[in-house]
């Protein structure tokens, strides 16, 4: 049984559980956007705050952490939960909690599990399962008017009958099933990412490159994992 828990106590990110930035690119550009991860935008004060602020020359400074090789979940899936309060509405903001396969750093991406919030649609959370090459297998939407004002529980429940076999992937919002895939891709070793970035793309809101944004924050109370 694998177990992980972090309520982000004190005032320092726990370096035994998390690394700054996206795996392999601690200060790199996130997801092809003009957002660059910086340690300064990750704030721990009895809870985690991931900030997005204006940078310079059309770029933005944002917060991101990942658990690669500090906590890797296993091929038997598990119950993976975070309590998050999303930012306030602002075109261009893109908050995410992701499960990414460790094997993606070996040249392949067999699957990806996403929980996303975008500033152009602030009352919706998107749960998405991607397959090989990023192809979308399923997406489920939850509508809630308090995503930016109240902490909510976001859960991935990956039920794998036996390692190396397909299983059922459930997405839950505040403990209520939002959707499930009953023949999910084979679960492989994975790690977690939490981030808030800024995009110039049309999906999160077409913020023009260089547009000023108010400082925005994604708050995280805790992350827990129980898995086999």
C-alpha atoms as a PDB file:
ATOM      1  CA  UNK A   1       0.000   0.000   0.000  1.00  0.00           C
ATOM      2  CA  UNK A   2       1.468   3.346  -1.056  1.00  0.00           C
ATOM      3  CA  UNK A   3       0.484   6.383   0.986  1.00  0.00           C
ATOM      4  CA  UNK A   4       1.232  10.083   0.556  1.00  0.00           C
ATOM      5  CA  UNK A   5      -0.064  13.102   2.426  1.00  0.00           C
ATOM      6  CA  UNK A   6       0.860  16.771   2.555  1.00  0.00           C
ATOM      7  CA  UNK A   7      -1.108  19.538   4.237  1.00  0.00           C
ATOM      8  CA  UNK A   8       1.717  22.030   3.519  1.00  0.00           C
ATOM      9  CA  UNK A   9       2.434  22.904   7.161  1.00  0.00           C
ATOM     10  CA  UNK A  10       4.836  25.631   8.209  1.00  0.00           C
ATOM     11  CA  UNK A  11       6.341  28.066   5.718  1.00  0.00           C
ATOM     12  CA  UNK A  12       8.577  25.879   3.540  1.00  0.00           C
ATOM     13  CA  UNK A  13       7.800  23.481   0.706  1.00  0.00           C
ATOM     14  CA  UNK A  14       8.690  19.935   1.788  1.00  0.00           C
ATOM     15  CA  UNK A  15      11.632  19.073  -0.455  1.00  0.00           C
ATOM     16  CA  UNK A  16      11.299  15.374   0.327  1.00  0.00           C
ATOM     17  CA  UNK A  17       7.856  15.358  -1.330  1.00  0.00           C
ATOM     18  CA  UNK A  18       7.953  18.028  -4.042  1.00  0.00           C
ATOM     19  CA  UNK A  19      10.220  19.767  -6.526  1.00  0.00           C
ATOM     20  CA  UNK A  20       9.673  23.247  -7.897  1.00  0.00           C
ATOM     21  CA  UNK A  21       8.444  23.713 -11.451  1.00  0.00           C
ATOM     22  CA  UNK A  22       7.500  21.105 -14.012  1.00  0.00           C
ATOM     23  CA  UNK A  23       9.508  17.891 -13.941  1.00  0.00           C
ATOM     24  CA  UNK A  24      12.809  18.339 -15.735  1.00  0.00           C
ATOM     25  CA  UNK A  25      12.221  22.078 -16.235  1.00  0.00           C
ATOM     26  CA  UNK A  26      12.099  23.732 -12.816  1.00  0.00           C
ATOM     27  CA  UNK A  27      12.159  27.258 -14.269  1.00  0.00           C
ATOM     28  CA  UNK A  28      10.899  26.361 -17.728  1.00  0.00           C
ATOM     29  CA  UNK A  29       8.009  27.508 -19.848  1.00  0.00           C
ATOM     30  CA  UNK A  30       4.760  25.721 -18.982  1.00  0.00           C
ATOM     31  CA  UNK A  31       2.716  24.020 -21.687  1.00  0.00           C
ATOM     32  CA  UNK A  32       3.811  26.240 -24.555  1.00  0.00           C
ATOM     33  CA  UNK A  33       2.532  29.423 -22.909  1.00  0.00           C
ATOM     34  CA  UNK A  34       4.409  32.602 -21.939  1.00  0.00           C
ATOM     35  CA  UNK A  35       4.361  31.401 -18.286  1.00  0.00           C
ATOM     36  CA  UNK A  36       7.668  30.655 -16.605  1.00  0.00           C
ATOM     37  CA  UNK A  37       7.737  28.751 -13.320  1.00  0.00           C
ATOM     38  CA  UNK A  38       9.619  30.446 -10.499  1.00  0.00           C
ATOM     39  CA  UNK A  39      10.164  29.326  -6.925  1.00  0.00           C
ATOM     40  CA  UNK A  40       9.003  32.731  -5.680  1.00  0.00           C
ATOM     41  CA  UNK A  41       5.465  32.060  -6.915  1.00  0.00           C
ATOM     42  CA  UNK A  42       5.185  28.959  -4.691  1.00  0.00           C
ATOM     43  CA  UNK A  43       4.193  30.088  -1.188  1.00  0.00           C
ATOM     44  CA  UNK A  44       3.702  27.757   1.795  1.00  0.00           C
ATOM     45  CA  UNK A  45       1.984  29.166   4.879  1.00  0.00           C
ATOM     46  CA  UNK A  46       0.009  26.332   6.482  1.00  0.00           C
ATOM     47  CA  UNK A  47      -1.362  25.655   3.020  1.00  0.00           C
ATOM     48  CA  UNK A  48      -0.044  26.028  -0.518  1.00  0.00           C
ATOM     49  CA  UNK A  49      -0.502  29.097  -2.718  1.00  0.00           C
ATOM     50  CA  UNK A  50       0.495  29.001  -6.389  1.00  0.00           C
ATOM     51  CA  UNK A  51       0.597  32.515  -7.790  1.00  0.00           C
ATOM     52  CA  UNK A  52       0.537  34.028 -11.268  1.00  0.00           C
ATOM     53  CA  UNK A  53       1.909  37.543 -11.719  1.00  0.00           C
ATOM     54  CA  UNK A  54       3.057  39.792 -14.514  1.00  0.00           C
ATOM     55  CA  UNK A  55       6.586  39.268 -15.698  1.00  0.00           C
ATOM     56  CA  UNK A  56       8.347  41.291 -18.350  1.00  0.00           C
ATOM     57  CA  UNK A  57       8.470  41.372 -22.147  1.00  0.00           C
ATOM     58  CA  UNK A  58       5.101  39.660 -22.528  1.00  0.00           C
ATOM     59  CA  UNK A  59       5.842  36.863 -20.102  1.00  0.00           C
ATOM     60  CA  UNK A  60       4.324  35.780 -16.796  1.00  0.00           C
ATOM     61  CA  UNK A  61       5.747  34.433 -13.559  1.00  0.00           C
ATOM     62  CA  UNK A  62       3.834  31.441 -12.197  1.00  0.00           C
ATOM     63  CA  UNK A  63       3.879  28.718  -9.540  1.00  0.00           C
ATOM     64  CA  UNK A  64       4.248  24.996 -10.196  1.00  0.00           C
ATOM     65  CA  UNK A  65       5.334  21.931  -8.190  1.00  0.00           C
ATOM     66  CA  UNK A  66       5.694  18.240  -9.025  1.00  0.00           C
ATOM     67  CA  UNK A  67       6.329  14.975  -7.180  1.00  0.00           C
ATOM     68  CA  UNK A  68       8.446  13.120  -9.778  1.00  0.00           C
ATOM     69  CA  UNK A  69      10.794  10.618  -8.092  1.00  0.00           C
ATOM     70  CA  UNK A  70       9.856  11.967  -4.661  1.00  0.00           C
ATOM     71  CA  UNK A  71       6.465  10.357  -4.712  1.00  0.00           C
ATOM     72  CA  UNK A  72       5.607   8.174  -7.696  1.00  0.00           C
ATOM     73  CA  UNK A  73       2.269   6.390  -7.634  1.00  0.00           C
ATOM     74  CA  UNK A  74       2.148   2.796  -8.770  1.00  0.00           C
ATOM     75  CA  UNK A  75       0.572   0.757 -11.550  1.00  0.00           C
ATOM     76  CA  UNK A  76      -2.290  -0.353  -9.290  1.00  0.00           C
ATOM     77  CA  UNK A  77      -3.788   3.145  -9.296  1.00  0.00           C
ATOM     78  CA  UNK A  78      -5.378   4.383  -6.091  1.00  0.00           C
ATOM     79  CA  UNK A  79      -7.412   7.148  -4.485  1.00  0.00           C
ATOM     80  CA  UNK A  80      -5.767  10.509  -5.263  1.00  0.00           C
ATOM     81  CA  UNK A  81      -7.374  13.598  -3.739  1.00  0.00           C
ATOM     82  CA  UNK A  82      -6.671  17.317  -3.360  1.00  0.00           C
ATOM     83  CA  UNK A  83      -8.621  20.121  -1.700  1.00  0.00           C
ATOM     84  CA  UNK A  84      -8.331  23.230  -3.863  1.00  0.00           C
ATOM     85  CA  UNK A  85      -9.753  26.752  -4.092  1.00  0.00           C
ATOM     86  CA  UNK A  86      -9.447  28.027  -7.646  1.00  0.00           C
ATOM     87  CA  UNK A  87      -8.407  31.584  -8.614  1.00  0.00           C
ATOM     88  CA  UNK A  88     -10.921  34.327  -9.350  1.00  0.00           C
ATOM     89  CA  UNK A  89     -12.094  34.791 -12.941  1.00  0.00           C
ATOM     90  CA  UNK A  90      -9.474  36.225 -15.279  1.00  0.00           C
ATOM     91  CA  UNK A  91      -9.007  35.508 -18.979  1.00  0.00           C
ATOM     92  CA  UNK A  92      -5.823  33.575 -19.578  1.00  0.00           C
ATOM     93  CA  UNK A  93      -5.571  31.813 -16.214  1.00  0.00           C
ATOM     94  CA  UNK A  94      -5.216  28.042 -16.384  1.00  0.00           C
ATOM     95  CA  UNK A  95      -5.095  26.072 -13.125  1.00  0.00           C
ATOM     96  CA  UNK A  96      -4.357  22.373 -13.156  1.00  0.00           C
ATOM     97  CA  UNK A  97      -3.835  19.252 -11.122  1.00  0.00           C
ATOM     98  CA  UNK A  98      -2.371  16.453 -13.204  1.00  0.00           C
ATOM     99  CA  UNK A  99      -1.319  12.825 -13.037  1.00  0.00           C
ATOM    100  CA  UNK A 100       1.456  12.251 -15.549  1.00  0.00           C
ATOM    101  CA  UNK A 101       3.115   8.947 -16.452  1.00  0.00           C
ATOM    102  CA  UNK A 102       6.761   8.644 -15.477  1.00  0.00           C
ATOM    103  CA  UNK A 103       7.286   6.910 -18.824  1.00  0.00           C
ATOM    104  CA  UNK A 104       6.571  10.183 -20.651  1.00  0.00           C
ATOM    105  CA  UNK A 105      10.177  11.078 -19.849  1.00  0.00           C
ATOM    106  CA  UNK A 106      11.303   8.004 -21.717  1.00  0.00           C
ATOM    107  CA  UNK A 107       9.851   9.242 -25.009  1.00  0.00           C
ATOM    108  CA  UNK A 108       6.222   8.119 -24.739  1.00  0.00           C
ATOM    109  CA  UNK A 109       2.972   9.336 -23.238  1.00  0.00           C
ATOM    110  CA  UNK A 110       0.549   6.422 -22.822  1.00  0.00           C
ATOM    111  CA  UNK A 111      -2.033   8.460 -20.876  1.00  0.00           C
ATOM    112  CA  UNK A 112      -2.629  11.619 -18.815  1.00  0.00           C
ATOM    113  CA  UNK A 113      -5.256  12.472 -16.189  1.00  0.00           C
ATOM    114  CA  UNK A 114      -6.286  16.103 -15.747  1.00  0.00           C
ATOM    115  CA  UNK A 115      -8.335  18.305 -13.456  1.00  0.00           C
ATOM    116  CA  UNK A 116      -8.413  21.790 -14.982  1.00  0.00           C
ATOM    117  CA  UNK A 117      -9.978  25.195 -14.381  1.00  0.00           C
ATOM    118  CA  UNK A 118      -9.826  28.117 -16.813  1.00  0.00           C
ATOM    119  CA  UNK A 119     -10.329  31.803 -16.185  1.00  0.00           C
ATOM    120  CA  UNK A 120     -12.735  32.295 -19.078  1.00  0.00           C
ATOM    121  CA  UNK A 121     -15.156  29.718 -17.605  1.00  0.00           C
ATOM    122  CA  UNK A 122     -14.709  30.133 -13.831  1.00  0.00           C
ATOM    123  CA  UNK A 123     -17.738  28.099 -12.746  1.00  0.00           C
ATOM    124  CA  UNK A 124     -16.644  24.902 -14.484  1.00  0.00           C
ATOM    125  CA  UNK A 125     -14.058  22.277 -13.651  1.00  0.00           C
ATOM    126  CA  UNK A 126     -12.937  19.893 -16.395  1.00  0.00           C
ATOM    127  CA  UNK A 127     -11.929  16.296 -15.669  1.00  0.00           C
ATOM    128  CA  UNK A 128     -10.180  14.737 -18.663  1.00  0.00           C
ATOM    129  CA  UNK A 129      -8.542  11.418 -19.525  1.00  0.00           C
ATOM    130  CA  UNK A 130      -6.077  11.458 -22.399  1.00  0.00           C
ATOM    131  CA  UNK A 131      -4.670   8.432 -24.154  1.00  0.00           C
ATOM    132  CA  UNK A 132      -1.570   7.825 -26.243  1.00  0.00           C
ATOM    133  CA  UNK A 133      -0.249  10.932 -27.932  1.00  0.00           C
ATOM    134  CA  UNK A 134      -2.600  13.169 -25.958  1.00  0.00           C
ATOM    135  CA  UNK A 135      -5.814  12.024 -27.675  1.00  0.00           C
ATOM    136  CA  UNK A 136      -8.866  12.798 -25.544  1.00  0.00           C
ATOM    137  CA  UNK A 137     -10.641   9.656 -24.376  1.00  0.00           C
ATOM    138  CA  UNK A 138     -13.240  11.259 -22.127  1.00  0.00           C
ATOM    139  CA  UNK A 139     -14.054  14.597 -20.509  1.00  0.00           C
ATOM    140  CA  UNK A 140     -16.522  15.381 -17.735  1.00  0.00           C
ATOM    141  CA  UNK A 141     -17.591  18.857 -16.623  1.00  0.00           C
ATOM    142  CA  UNK A 142     -18.792  19.972 -13.200  1.00  0.00           C
ATOM    143  CA  UNK A 143     -20.543  23.323 -12.782  1.00  0.00           C
ATOM    144  CA  UNK A 144     -20.280  25.081  -9.420  1.00  0.00           C
ATOM    145  CA  UNK A 145     -20.547  28.790  -8.597  1.00  0.00           C
ATOM    146  CA  UNK A 146     -18.154  28.632  -5.608  1.00  0.00           C
ATOM    147  CA  UNK A 147     -15.011  27.163  -7.189  1.00  0.00           C
ATOM    148  CA  UNK A 148     -13.142  30.432  -6.553  1.00  0.00           C
ATOM    149  CA  UNK A 149     -14.525  31.192  -3.101  1.00  0.00           C
ATOM    150  CA  UNK A 150     -14.634  27.806  -1.344  1.00  0.00           C
ATOM    151  CA  UNK A 151     -12.313  24.828  -1.056  1.00  0.00           C
ATOM    152  CA  UNK A 152     -13.609  21.729  -2.859  1.00  0.00           C
ATOM    153  CA  UNK A 153     -12.385  18.134  -3.020  1.00  0.00           C
ATOM    154  CA  UNK A 154     -11.134  16.864  -6.387  1.00  0.00           C
ATOM    155  CA  UNK A 155     -10.517  13.132  -6.623  1.00  0.00           C
ATOM    156  CA  UNK A 156      -9.134  10.627  -9.115  1.00  0.00           C
ATOM    157  CA  UNK A 157     -10.058   7.069  -8.154  1.00  0.00           C
ATOM    158  CA  UNK A 158      -8.209   4.638 -10.406  1.00  0.00           C
ATOM    159  CA  UNK A 159      -9.463   1.125  -9.703  1.00  0.00           C
ATOM    160  CA  UNK A 160      -7.057  -1.392 -11.228  1.00  0.00           C
ATOM    161  CA  UNK A 161      -7.892  -5.077 -10.720  1.00  0.00           C
ATOM    162  CA  UNK A 162      -4.314  -6.117 -11.418  1.00  0.00           C
ATOM    163  CA  UNK A 163      -1.207  -4.174 -12.367  1.00  0.00           C
ATOM    164  CA  UNK A 164      -0.681  -4.154 -16.121  1.00  0.00           C
ATOM    165  CA  UNK A 165      -4.391  -4.433 -16.923  1.00  0.00           C
ATOM    166  CA  UNK A 166      -7.027  -1.807 -17.807  1.00  0.00           C
ATOM    167  CA  UNK A 167      -9.224  -0.589 -14.975  1.00  0.00           C
ATOM    168  CA  UNK A 168     -11.919   1.931 -14.101  1.00  0.00           C
ATOM    169  CA  UNK A 169     -11.009   5.596 -13.629  1.00  0.00           C
ATOM    170  CA  UNK A 170     -13.498   7.656 -11.643  1.00  0.00           C
ATOM    171  CA  UNK A 171     -13.582  11.447 -11.290  1.00  0.00           C
ATOM    172  CA  UNK A 172     -15.255  12.812  -8.153  1.00  0.00           C
ATOM    173  CA  UNK A 173     -16.147  16.350  -7.075  1.00  0.00           C
ATOM    174  CA  UNK A 174     -16.815  16.765  -3.345  1.00  0.00           C
ATOM    175  CA  UNK A 175     -17.249  13.013  -3.135  1.00  0.00           C
ATOM    176  CA  UNK A 176     -19.868  12.861  -5.882  1.00  0.00           C
ATOM    177  CA  UNK A 177     -19.107  10.925  -9.055  1.00  0.00           C
ATOM    178  CA  UNK A 178     -18.742  13.295 -12.003  1.00  0.00           C
ATOM    179  CA  UNK A 179     -17.937  10.585 -14.550  1.00  0.00           C
ATOM    180  CA  UNK A 180     -15.991   7.399 -15.103  1.00  0.00           C
ATOM    181  CA  UNK A 181     -14.175   5.435 -17.768  1.00  0.00           C
ATOM    182  CA  UNK A 182     -14.614   1.695 -17.368  1.00  0.00           C
ATOM    183  CA  UNK A 183     -11.854   0.609 -19.740  1.00  0.00           C
ATOM    184  CA  UNK A 184      -9.118   3.104 -18.961  1.00  0.00           C
ATOM    185  CA  UNK A 185      -5.608   2.807 -20.399  1.00  0.00           C
ATOM    186  CA  UNK A 186      -3.227   0.576 -18.508  1.00  0.00           C
ATOM    187  CA  UNK A 187      -2.059   2.484 -15.449  1.00  0.00           C
ATOM    188  CA  UNK A 188       1.703   2.912 -15.199  1.00  0.00           C
ATOM    189  CA  UNK A 189       3.916   4.599 -12.624  1.00  0.00           C
ATOM    190  CA  UNK A 190       2.901   8.246 -12.291  1.00  0.00           C
ATOM    191  CA  UNK A 191       3.653  11.523 -10.546  1.00  0.00           C
ATOM    192  CA  UNK A 192       1.597  14.598  -9.653  1.00  0.00           C
ATOM    193  CA  UNK A 193       1.750  18.203 -10.866  1.00  0.00           C
ATOM    194  CA  UNK A 194       0.000  21.261  -9.395  1.00  0.00           C
ATOM    195  CA  UNK A 195       0.253  24.527 -11.285  1.00  0.00           C
ATOM    196  CA  UNK A 196      -1.274  27.861 -12.198  1.00  0.00           C
ATOM    197  CA  UNK A 197      -0.165  29.234 -15.552  1.00  0.00           C
ATOM    198  CA  UNK A 198      -1.188  31.952 -17.995  1.00  0.00           C
ATOM    199  CA  UNK A 199      -2.006  31.180 -21.593  1.00  0.00           C
ATOM    200  CA  UNK A 200      -2.485  33.250 -24.726  1.00  0.00           C
ATOM    201  CA  UNK A 201      -4.565  30.438 -26.182  1.00  0.00           C
ATOM    202  CA  UNK A 202      -8.287  30.726 -26.749  1.00  0.00           C
ATOM    203  CA  UNK A 203      -9.400  27.910 -24.437  1.00  0.00           C
ATOM    204  CA  UNK A 204      -8.444  29.581 -21.132  1.00  0.00           C
ATOM    205  CA  UNK A 205      -9.287  33.027 -22.574  1.00  0.00           C
ATOM    206  CA  UNK A 206      -7.385  34.874 -25.229  1.00  0.00           C
ATOM    207  CA  UNK A 207      -5.127  37.033 -23.083  1.00  0.00           C
ATOM    208  CA  UNK A 208      -2.924  38.986 -25.456  1.00  0.00           C
ATOM    209  CA  UNK A 209       0.773  38.440 -25.000  1.00  0.00           C
ATOM    210  CA  UNK A 210       1.963  41.091 -22.579  1.00  0.00           C
ATOM    211  CA  UNK A 211      -1.479  41.947 -21.169  1.00  0.00           C
ATOM    212  CA  UNK A 212      -1.456  42.913 -17.525  1.00  0.00           C
ATOM    213  CA  UNK A 213      -3.160  40.549 -15.110  1.00  0.00           C
ATOM    214  CA  UNK A 214      -3.835  41.031 -11.406  1.00  0.00           C
ATOM    215  CA  UNK A 215      -1.870  38.724  -9.127  1.00  0.00           C
ATOM    216  CA  UNK A 216      -3.923  35.529  -8.976  1.00  0.00           C
ATOM    217  CA  UNK A 217      -3.703  32.532  -6.669  1.00  0.00           C
ATOM    218  CA  UNK A 218      -4.632  28.853  -6.637  1.00  0.00           C
ATOM    219  CA  UNK A 219      -4.902  27.642  -3.026  1.00  0.00           C
ATOM    220  CA  UNK A 220      -4.320  24.010  -1.985  1.00  0.00           C
ATOM    221  CA  UNK A 221      -5.171  22.765   1.520  1.00  0.00           C
ATOM    222  CA  UNK A 222      -3.884  19.216   1.155  1.00  0.00           C
ATOM    223  CA  UNK A 223      -3.031  16.342  -1.187  1.00  0.00           C
ATOM    224  CA  UNK A 224      -3.486  12.701  -0.191  1.00  0.00           C
ATOM    225  CA  UNK A 225      -2.895   9.403  -1.975  1.00  0.00           C
ATOM    226  CA  UNK A 226      -3.910   5.919  -0.965  1.00  0.00           C
ATOM    227  CA  UNK A 227      -2.938   3.248  -3.455  1.00  0.00           C
ATOM    228  CA  UNK A 228      -1.848  -0.319  -3.887  1.00  0.00           C
END
